[in-house]
Amino acid sequence: MTGAVNVRVPPEYWASSIMPEGVIEKWIQPNGSEVEAGDPVAAIRVESVLHHLLAPCAGRLEATCKVNSVIDPGFVIGQIVPRQDA
């Protein structure tokens, strides 16, 4: 079995270090849903800009942070459990 893949907030979302925190505005995909690689899974607000965080792989989303959680660059907000293809 392949391990879960982290859903990590890219440090590139921060244009500067003036505001070192962001916020999870919304989970676009509900916890436990099946997603495809590249699907938007969460909306993250950093420095007044809304970013859509994309699924790194296909599988089941396991959200580990709640809406309005404060996040830092590189923070892990969930995991994708890859599908077990036959």
PDB file of N, CA and C in Angstrom:
ATOM      1  N   MET A   1       0.838  -1.187   0.000  1.00  0.00           N
ATOM      2  CA  MET A   1       0.000   0.000   0.000  1.00  0.00           C
ATOM      3  C   MET A   1       0.879   1.246   0.000  1.00  0.00           C
ATOM      4  N   THR A   2       0.529   2.178  -0.849  1.00  0.00           N
ATOM      5  CA  THR A   2       1.259   3.437  -0.933  1.00  0.00           C
ATOM      6  C   THR A   2       0.735   4.370   0.145  1.00  0.00           C
ATOM      7  N   GLY A   3       1.636   5.147   0.777  1.00  0.00           N
ATOM      8  CA  GLY A   3       1.232   6.054   1.839  1.00  0.00           C
ATOM      9  C   GLY A   3       0.495   7.272   1.314  1.00  0.00           C
ATOM     10  N   ALA A   4      -0.117   7.978   2.257  1.00  0.00           N
ATOM     11  CA  ALA A   4      -0.852   9.195   1.927  1.00  0.00           C
ATOM     12  C   ALA A   4       0.118  10.288   1.466  1.00  0.00           C
ATOM     13  N   VAL A   5      -0.397  11.177   0.616  1.00  0.00           N
ATOM     14  CA  VAL A   5       0.387  12.291   0.080  1.00  0.00           C
ATOM     15  C   VAL A   5      -0.113  13.578   0.737  1.00  0.00           C
ATOM     16  N   ASN A   6       0.799  14.360   1.276  1.00  0.00           N
ATOM     17  CA  ASN A   6       0.426  15.597   1.952  1.00  0.00           C
ATOM     18  C   ASN A   6      -0.133  16.638   0.986  1.00  0.00           C
ATOM     19  N   VAL A   7      -1.142  17.358   1.449  1.00  0.00           N
ATOM     20  CA  VAL A   7      -1.661  18.536   0.755  1.00  0.00           C
ATOM     21  C   VAL A   7      -1.025  19.718   1.485  1.00  0.00           C
ATOM     22  N   ARG A   8      -0.020  20.298   0.857  1.00  0.00           N
ATOM     23  CA  ARG A   8       0.827  21.319   1.483  1.00  0.00           C
ATOM     24  C   ARG A   8       0.606  22.672   0.807  1.00  0.00           C
ATOM     25  N   VAL A   9       0.542  23.736   1.621  1.00  0.00           N
ATOM     26  CA  VAL A   9       0.375  25.080   1.090  1.00  0.00           C
ATOM     27  C   VAL A   9       1.724  25.555   0.541  1.00  0.00           C
ATOM     28  N   PRO A  10       1.807  25.838  -0.760  1.00  0.00           N
ATOM     29  CA  PRO A  10       3.087  26.237  -1.354  1.00  0.00           C
ATOM     30  C   PRO A  10       3.604  27.566  -0.793  1.00  0.00           C
ATOM     31  N   PRO A  11       4.871  27.615  -0.412  1.00  0.00           N
ATOM     32  CA  PRO A  11       5.453  28.873   0.055  1.00  0.00           C
ATOM     33  C   PRO A  11       5.379  29.982  -0.988  1.00  0.00           C
ATOM     34  N   GLU A  12       5.254  29.618  -2.263  1.00  0.00           N
ATOM     35  CA  GLU A  12       5.186  30.606  -3.346  1.00  0.00           C
ATOM     36  C   GLU A  12       3.932  31.478  -3.264  1.00  0.00           C
ATOM     37  N   TYR A  13       2.930  31.059  -2.485  1.00  0.00           N
ATOM     38  CA  TYR A  13       1.717  31.873  -2.320  1.00  0.00           C
ATOM     39  C   TYR A  13       2.013  33.183  -1.602  1.00  0.00           C
ATOM     40  N   TRP A  14       3.120  33.236  -0.866  1.00  0.00           N
ATOM     41  CA  TRP A  14       3.501  34.437  -0.132  1.00  0.00           C
ATOM     42  C   TRP A  14       4.444  35.267  -0.987  1.00  0.00           C
ATOM     43  N   ALA A  15       4.016  36.463  -1.349  1.00  0.00           N
ATOM     44  CA  ALA A  15       4.846  37.346  -2.176  1.00  0.00           C
ATOM     45  C   ALA A  15       5.929  38.006  -1.334  1.00  0.00           C
ATOM     46  N   SER A  16       5.679  38.121  -0.038  1.00  0.00           N
ATOM     47  CA  SER A  16       6.652  38.744   0.859  1.00  0.00           C
ATOM     48  C   SER A  16       6.517  38.110   2.233  1.00  0.00           C
ATOM     49  N   SER A  17       7.377  38.507   3.129  1.00  0.00           N
ATOM     50  CA  SER A  17       7.297  37.999   4.500  1.00  0.00           C
ATOM     51  C   SER A  17       6.616  38.996   5.429  1.00  0.00           C
ATOM     52  N   ILE A  18       5.992  40.025   4.854  1.00  0.00           N
ATOM     53  CA  ILE A  18       5.313  41.031   5.673  1.00  0.00           C
ATOM     54  C   ILE A  18       4.147  40.403   6.424  1.00  0.00           C
ATOM     55  N   MET A  19       3.368  39.579   5.738  1.00  0.00           N
ATOM     56  CA  MET A  19       2.246  38.892   6.364  1.00  0.00           C
ATOM     57  C   MET A  19       2.536  37.401   6.302  1.00  0.00           C
ATOM     58  N   PRO A  20       3.117  36.833   7.360  1.00  0.00           N
ATOM     59  CA  PRO A  20       3.577  35.447   7.304  1.00  0.00           C
ATOM     60  C   PRO A  20       2.483  34.393   7.462  1.00  0.00           C
ATOM     61  N   GLU A  21       1.224  34.815   7.613  1.00  0.00           N
ATOM     62  CA  GLU A  21       0.159  33.842   7.806  1.00  0.00           C
ATOM     63  C   GLU A  21      -0.892  33.955   6.714  1.00  0.00           C
ATOM     64  N   GLY A  22      -1.552  32.837   6.460  1.00  0.00           N
ATOM     65  CA  GLY A  22      -2.691  32.790   5.562  1.00  0.00           C
ATOM     66  C   GLY A  22      -3.857  32.151   6.296  1.00  0.00           C
ATOM     67  N   VAL A  23      -4.986  32.013   5.600  1.00  0.00           N
ATOM     68  CA  VAL A  23      -6.194  31.451   6.207  1.00  0.00           C
ATOM     69  C   VAL A  23      -6.859  30.503   5.216  1.00  0.00           C
ATOM     70  N   ILE A  24      -7.367  29.386   5.724  1.00  0.00           N
ATOM     71  CA  ILE A  24      -8.181  28.500   4.894  1.00  0.00           C
ATOM     72  C   ILE A  24      -9.566  29.127   4.825  1.00  0.00           C
ATOM     73  N   GLU A  25      -9.939  29.604   3.653  1.00  0.00           N
ATOM     74  CA  GLU A  25     -11.241  30.263   3.466  1.00  0.00           C
ATOM     75  C   GLU A  25     -12.362  29.240   3.304  1.00  0.00           C
ATOM     76  N   LYS A  26     -12.053  28.151   2.564  1.00  0.00           N
ATOM     77  CA  LYS A  26     -13.110  27.204   2.226  1.00  0.00           C
ATOM     78  C   LYS A  26     -12.492  25.901   1.754  1.00  0.00           C
ATOM     79  N   TRP A  27     -13.116  24.795   2.121  1.00  0.00           N
ATOM     80  CA  TRP A  27     -12.789  23.513   1.505  1.00  0.00           C
ATOM     81  C   TRP A  27     -13.691  23.385   0.281  1.00  0.00           C
ATOM     82  N   ILE A  28     -13.104  23.340  -0.888  1.00  0.00           N
ATOM     83  CA  ILE A  28     -13.867  23.223  -2.128  1.00  0.00           C
ATOM     84  C   ILE A  28     -14.408  21.805  -2.277  1.00  0.00           C
ATOM     85  N   GLN A  29     -13.595  20.832  -1.904  1.00  0.00           N
ATOM     86  CA  GLN A  29     -14.012  19.430  -1.893  1.00  0.00           C
ATOM     87  C   GLN A  29     -14.258  19.021  -0.436  1.00  0.00           C
ATOM     88  N   PRO A  30     -15.366  18.336  -0.160  1.00  0.00           N
ATOM     89  CA  PRO A  30     -15.620  17.928   1.222  1.00  0.00           C
ATOM     90  C   PRO A  30     -14.667  16.829   1.685  1.00  0.00           C
ATOM     91  N   ASN A  31     -14.450  16.787   2.983  1.00  0.00           N
ATOM     92  CA  ASN A  31     -13.611  15.763   3.593  1.00  0.00           C
ATOM     93  C   ASN A  31     -14.146  14.382   3.205  1.00  0.00           C
ATOM     94  N   GLY A  32     -13.256  13.495   2.782  1.00  0.00           N
ATOM     95  CA  GLY A  32     -13.632  12.143   2.397  1.00  0.00           C
ATOM     96  C   GLY A  32     -14.000  11.980   0.935  1.00  0.00           C
ATOM     97  N   SER A  33     -14.010  13.081   0.181  1.00  0.00           N
ATOM     98  CA  SER A  33     -14.398  12.991  -1.226  1.00  0.00           C
ATOM     99  C   SER A  33     -13.253  12.443  -2.078  1.00  0.00           C
ATOM    100  N   GLU A  34     -13.616  11.857  -3.194  1.00  0.00           N
ATOM    101  CA  GLU A  34     -12.638  11.373  -4.167  1.00  0.00           C
ATOM    102  C   GLU A  34     -12.261  12.530  -5.087  1.00  0.00           C
ATOM    103  N   VAL A  35     -10.969  12.750  -5.265  1.00  0.00           N
ATOM    104  CA  VAL A  35     -10.486  13.845  -6.107  1.00  0.00           C
ATOM    105  C   VAL A  35      -9.521  13.301  -7.151  1.00  0.00           C
ATOM    106  N   GLU A  36      -9.350  14.063  -8.202  1.00  0.00           N
ATOM    107  CA  GLU A  36      -8.377  13.758  -9.250  1.00  0.00           C
ATOM    108  C   GLU A  36      -7.176  14.684  -9.078  1.00  0.00           C
ATOM    109  N   ALA A  37      -6.027  14.277  -9.560  1.00  0.00           N
ATOM    110  CA  ALA A  37      -4.840  15.134  -9.517  1.00  0.00           C
ATOM    111  C   ALA A  37      -5.157  16.440 -10.229  1.00  0.00           C
ATOM    112  N   GLY A  38      -4.846  17.562  -9.592  1.00  0.00           N
ATOM    113  CA  GLY A  38      -5.085  18.870 -10.174  1.00  0.00           C
ATOM    114  C   GLY A  38      -6.429  19.483  -9.836  1.00  0.00           C
ATOM    115  N   ASP A  39      -7.316  18.717  -9.187  1.00  0.00           N
ATOM    116  CA  ASP A  39      -8.597  19.283  -8.760  1.00  0.00           C
ATOM    117  C   ASP A  39      -8.365  20.310  -7.653  1.00  0.00           C
ATOM    118  N   PRO A  40      -9.071  21.446  -7.678  1.00  0.00           N
ATOM    119  CA  PRO A  40      -8.973  22.376  -6.557  1.00  0.00           C
ATOM    120  C   PRO A  40      -9.637  21.755  -5.329  1.00  0.00           C
ATOM    121  N   VAL A  41      -8.935  21.750  -4.196  1.00  0.00           N
ATOM    122  CA  VAL A  41      -9.487  21.144  -2.984  1.00  0.00           C
ATOM    123  C   VAL A  41      -9.761  22.168  -1.885  1.00  0.00           C
ATOM    124  N   ALA A  42      -9.025  23.277  -1.876  1.00  0.00           N
ATOM    125  CA  ALA A  42      -9.233  24.288  -0.834  1.00  0.00           C
ATOM    126  C   ALA A  42      -8.940  25.673  -1.389  1.00  0.00           C
ATOM    127  N   ALA A  43      -9.616  26.666  -0.792  1.00  0.00           N
ATOM    128  CA  ALA A  43      -9.356  28.071  -1.117  1.00  0.00           C
ATOM    129  C   ALA A  43      -8.574  28.665   0.052  1.00  0.00           C
ATOM    130  N   ILE A  44      -7.396  29.216  -0.260  1.00  0.00           N
ATOM    131  CA  ILE A  44      -6.476  29.757   0.738  1.00  0.00           C
ATOM    132  C   ILE A  44      -6.288  31.246   0.475  1.00  0.00           C
ATOM    133  N   ARG A  45      -6.472  32.071   1.506  1.00  0.00           N
ATOM    134  CA  ARG A  45      -6.245  33.514   1.352  1.00  0.00           C
ATOM    135  C   ARG A  45      -4.911  33.878   1.992  1.00  0.00           C
ATOM    136  N   VAL A  46      -4.046  34.487   1.173  1.00  0.00           N
ATOM    137  CA  VAL A  46      -2.731  34.947   1.620  1.00  0.00           C
ATOM    138  C   VAL A  46      -2.526  36.356   1.076  1.00  0.00           C
ATOM    139  N   GLU A  47      -2.222  37.279   1.960  1.00  0.00           N
ATOM    140  CA  GLU A  47      -1.945  38.663   1.554  1.00  0.00           C
ATOM    141  C   GLU A  47      -3.045  39.207   0.637  1.00  0.00           C
ATOM    142  N   SER A  48      -4.296  39.023   1.012  1.00  0.00           N
ATOM    143  CA  SER A  48      -5.476  39.517   0.292  1.00  0.00           C
ATOM    144  C   SER A  48      -5.703  38.860  -1.063  1.00  0.00           C
ATOM    145  N   VAL A  49      -4.998  37.788  -1.367  1.00  0.00           N
ATOM    146  CA  VAL A  49      -5.168  37.069  -2.640  1.00  0.00           C
ATOM    147  C   VAL A  49      -5.711  35.673  -2.338  1.00  0.00           C
ATOM    148  N   LEU A  50      -6.752  35.279  -3.074  1.00  0.00           N
ATOM    149  CA  LEU A  50      -7.344  33.961  -2.906  1.00  0.00           C
ATOM    150  C   LEU A  50      -6.686  32.986  -3.881  1.00  0.00           C
ATOM    151  N   HIS A  51      -6.159  31.891  -3.357  1.00  0.00           N
ATOM    152  CA  HIS A  51      -5.511  30.854  -4.162  1.00  0.00           C
ATOM    153  C   HIS A  51      -6.318  29.566  -4.051  1.00  0.00           C
ATOM    154  N   HIS A  52      -6.374  28.797  -5.132  1.00  0.00           N
ATOM    155  CA  HIS A  52      -6.972  27.469  -5.083  1.00  0.00           C
ATOM    156  C   HIS A  52      -5.854  26.447  -4.980  1.00  0.00           C
ATOM    157  N   LEU A  53      -5.864  25.716  -3.884  1.00  0.00           N
ATOM    158  CA  LEU A  53      -4.864  24.680  -3.648  1.00  0.00           C
ATOM    159  C   LEU A  53      -5.312  23.422  -4.379  1.00  0.00           C
ATOM    160  N   LEU A  54      -4.419  22.836  -5.172  1.00  0.00           N
ATOM    161  CA  LEU A  54      -4.759  21.698  -6.027  1.00  0.00           C
ATOM    162  C   LEU A  54      -4.328  20.377  -5.408  1.00  0.00           C
ATOM    163  N   ALA A  55      -5.096  19.335  -5.695  1.00  0.00           N
ATOM    164  CA  ALA A  55      -4.756  17.988  -5.227  1.00  0.00           C
ATOM    165  C   ALA A  55      -3.475  17.524  -5.914  1.00  0.00           C
ATOM    166  N   PRO A  56      -2.497  17.024  -5.142  1.00  0.00           N
ATOM    167  CA  PRO A  56      -1.241  16.570  -5.742  1.00  0.00           C
ATOM    168  C   PRO A  56      -1.353  15.227  -6.463  1.00  0.00           C
ATOM    169  N   CYS A  57      -2.434  14.486  -6.183  1.00  0.00           N
ATOM    170  CA  CYS A  57      -2.637  13.174  -6.815  1.00  0.00           C
ATOM    171  C   CYS A  57      -4.113  12.808  -6.694  1.00  0.00           C
ATOM    172  N   ALA A  58      -4.494  11.718  -7.346  1.00  0.00           N
ATOM    173  CA  ALA A  58      -5.869  11.228  -7.245  1.00  0.00           C
ATOM    174  C   ALA A  58      -6.015  10.384  -5.990  1.00  0.00           C
ATOM    175  N   GLY A  59      -7.197  10.449  -5.394  1.00  0.00           N
ATOM    176  CA  GLY A  59      -7.475   9.639  -4.213  1.00  0.00           C
ATOM    177  C   GLY A  59      -8.530  10.273  -3.338  1.00  0.00           C
ATOM    178  N   ARG A  60      -8.568   9.850  -2.076  1.00  0.00           N
ATOM    179  CA  ARG A  60      -9.559  10.335  -1.107  1.00  0.00           C
ATOM    180  C   ARG A  60      -8.958  11.451  -0.252  1.00  0.00           C
ATOM    181  N   LEU A  61      -9.642  12.587  -0.206  1.00  0.00           N
ATOM    182  CA  LEU A  61      -9.180  13.738   0.567  1.00  0.00           C
ATOM    183  C   LEU A  61      -9.454  13.537   2.051  1.00  0.00           C
ATOM    184  N   GLU A  62      -8.431  13.764   2.864  1.00  0.00           N
ATOM    185  CA  GLU A  62      -8.575  13.770   4.318  1.00  0.00           C
ATOM    186  C   GLU A  62      -8.124  15.132   4.820  1.00  0.00           C
ATOM    187  N   ALA A  63      -9.094  16.008   5.061  1.00  0.00           N
ATOM    188  CA  ALA A  63      -8.806  17.356   5.545  1.00  0.00           C
ATOM    189  C   ALA A  63      -8.415  17.285   7.019  1.00  0.00           C
ATOM    190  N   THR A  64      -7.319  17.952   7.373  1.00  0.00           N
ATOM    191  CA  THR A  64      -6.870  17.934   8.764  1.00  0.00           C
ATOM    192  C   THR A  64      -6.963  19.309   9.420  1.00  0.00           C
ATOM    193  N   CYS A  65      -7.365  20.318   8.673  1.00  0.00           N
ATOM    194  CA  CYS A  65      -7.530  21.676   9.212  1.00  0.00           C
ATOM    195  C   CYS A  65      -8.946  22.153   8.916  1.00  0.00           C
ATOM    196  N   LYS A  66      -9.449  22.996   9.793  1.00  0.00           N
ATOM    197  CA  LYS A  66     -10.791  23.540   9.630  1.00  0.00           C
ATOM    198  C   LYS A  66     -10.753  24.862   8.872  1.00  0.00           C
ATOM    199  N   VAL A  67     -11.910  25.249   8.336  1.00  0.00           N
ATOM    200  CA  VAL A  67     -12.067  26.564   7.719  1.00  0.00           C
ATOM    201  C   VAL A  67     -11.717  27.621   8.769  1.00  0.00           C
ATOM    202  N   ASN A  68     -11.066  28.681   8.326  1.00  0.00           N
ATOM    203  CA  ASN A  68     -10.580  29.797   9.153  1.00  0.00           C
ATOM    204  C   ASN A  68      -9.324  29.464   9.950  1.00  0.00           C
ATOM    205  N   SER A  69      -8.742  28.284   9.725  1.00  0.00           N
ATOM    206  CA  SER A  69      -7.469  27.963  10.373  1.00  0.00           C
ATOM    207  C   SER A  69      -6.381  28.864   9.813  1.00  0.00           C
ATOM    208  N   VAL A  70      -5.504  29.326  10.693  1.00  0.00           N
ATOM    209  CA  VAL A  70      -4.355  30.137  10.283  1.00  0.00           C
ATOM    210  C   VAL A  70      -3.251  29.186   9.842  1.00  0.00           C
ATOM    211  N   ILE A  71      -2.645  29.488   8.700  1.00  0.00           N
ATOM    212  CA  ILE A  71      -1.610  28.618   8.137  1.00  0.00           C
ATOM    213  C   ILE A  71      -0.362  29.416   7.793  1.00  0.00           C
ATOM    214  N   ASP A  72       0.750  28.726   7.744  1.00  0.00           N
ATOM    215  CA  ASP A  72       2.045  29.300   7.394  1.00  0.00           C
ATOM    216  C   ASP A  72       2.532  28.679   6.093  1.00  0.00           C
ATOM    217  N   PRO A  73       3.533  29.280   5.448  1.00  0.00           N
ATOM    218  CA  PRO A  73       4.101  28.690   4.234  1.00  0.00           C
ATOM    219  C   PRO A  73       4.557  27.247   4.476  1.00  0.00           C
ATOM    220  N   GLY A  74       4.172  26.355   3.577  1.00  0.00           N
ATOM    221  CA  GLY A  74       4.570  24.959   3.671  1.00  0.00           C
ATOM    222  C   GLY A  74       3.715  24.113   4.603  1.00  0.00           C
ATOM    223  N   PHE A  75       2.704  24.712   5.216  1.00  0.00           N
ATOM    224  CA  PHE A  75       1.847  24.012   6.175  1.00  0.00           C
ATOM    225  C   PHE A  75       1.061  22.896   5.489  1.00  0.00           C
ATOM    226  N   VAL A  76       0.920  21.748   6.142  1.00  0.00           N
ATOM    227  CA  VAL A  76       0.140  20.625   5.629  1.00  0.00           C
ATOM    228  C   VAL A  76      -1.287  20.772   6.165  1.00  0.00           C
ATOM    229  N   ILE A  77      -2.260  20.878   5.230  1.00  0.00           N
ATOM    230  CA  ILE A  77      -3.654  21.061   5.649  1.00  0.00           C
ATOM    231  C   ILE A  77      -4.498  19.801   5.464  1.00  0.00           C
ATOM    232  N   GLY A  78      -3.912  18.775   4.879  1.00  0.00           N
ATOM    233  CA  GLY A  78      -4.631  17.534   4.676  1.00  0.00           C
ATOM    234  C   GLY A  78      -3.771  16.518   3.958  1.00  0.00           C
ATOM    235  N   GLN A  79      -4.386  15.413   3.603  1.00  0.00           N
ATOM    236  CA  GLN A  79      -3.701  14.352   2.877  1.00  0.00           C
ATOM    237  C   GLN A  79      -4.624  13.781   1.826  1.00  0.00           C
ATOM    238  N   ILE A  80      -4.006  13.198   0.806  1.00  0.00           N
ATOM    239  CA  ILE A  80      -4.739  12.433  -0.207  1.00  0.00           C
ATOM    240  C   ILE A  80      -4.286  10.982  -0.043  1.00  0.00           C
ATOM    241  N   VAL A  81      -5.251  10.107   0.177  1.00  0.00           N
ATOM    242  CA  VAL A  81      -4.955   8.676   0.248  1.00  0.00           C
ATOM    243  C   VAL A  81      -5.141   8.145  -1.167  1.00  0.00           C
ATOM    244  N   PRO A  82      -4.038   7.741  -1.820  1.00  0.00           N
ATOM    245  CA  PRO A  82      -4.117   7.294  -3.224  1.00  0.00           C
ATOM    246  C   PRO A  82      -5.035   6.101  -3.395  1.00  0.00           C
ATOM    247  N   ARG A  83      -5.648   6.034  -4.558  1.00  0.00           N
ATOM    248  CA  ARG A  83      -6.508   4.899  -4.910  1.00  0.00           C
ATOM    249  C   ARG A  83      -5.663   3.636  -5.057  1.00  0.00           C
ATOM    250  N   GLN A  84      -6.262   2.542  -4.738  1.00  0.00           N
ATOM    251  CA  GLN A  84      -5.616   1.240  -4.942  1.00  0.00           C
ATOM    252  C   GLN A  84      -6.184   0.638  -6.227  1.00  0.00           C
ATOM    253  N   ASP A  85      -5.516   0.879  -7.347  1.00  0.00           N
ATOM    254  CA  ASP A  85      -5.988   0.358  -8.632  1.00  0.00           C
ATOM    255  C   ASP A  85      -5.625  -1.117  -8.750  1.00  0.00           C
ATOM    256  N   ALA A  86      -6.562  -1.882  -9.273  1.00  0.00           N
ATOM    257  CA  ALA A  86      -6.324  -3.334  -9.439  1.00  0.00           C
ATOM    258  C   ALA A  86      -5.465  -3.600 -10.649  1.00  0.00           C
TER     259      ALA A  86
END
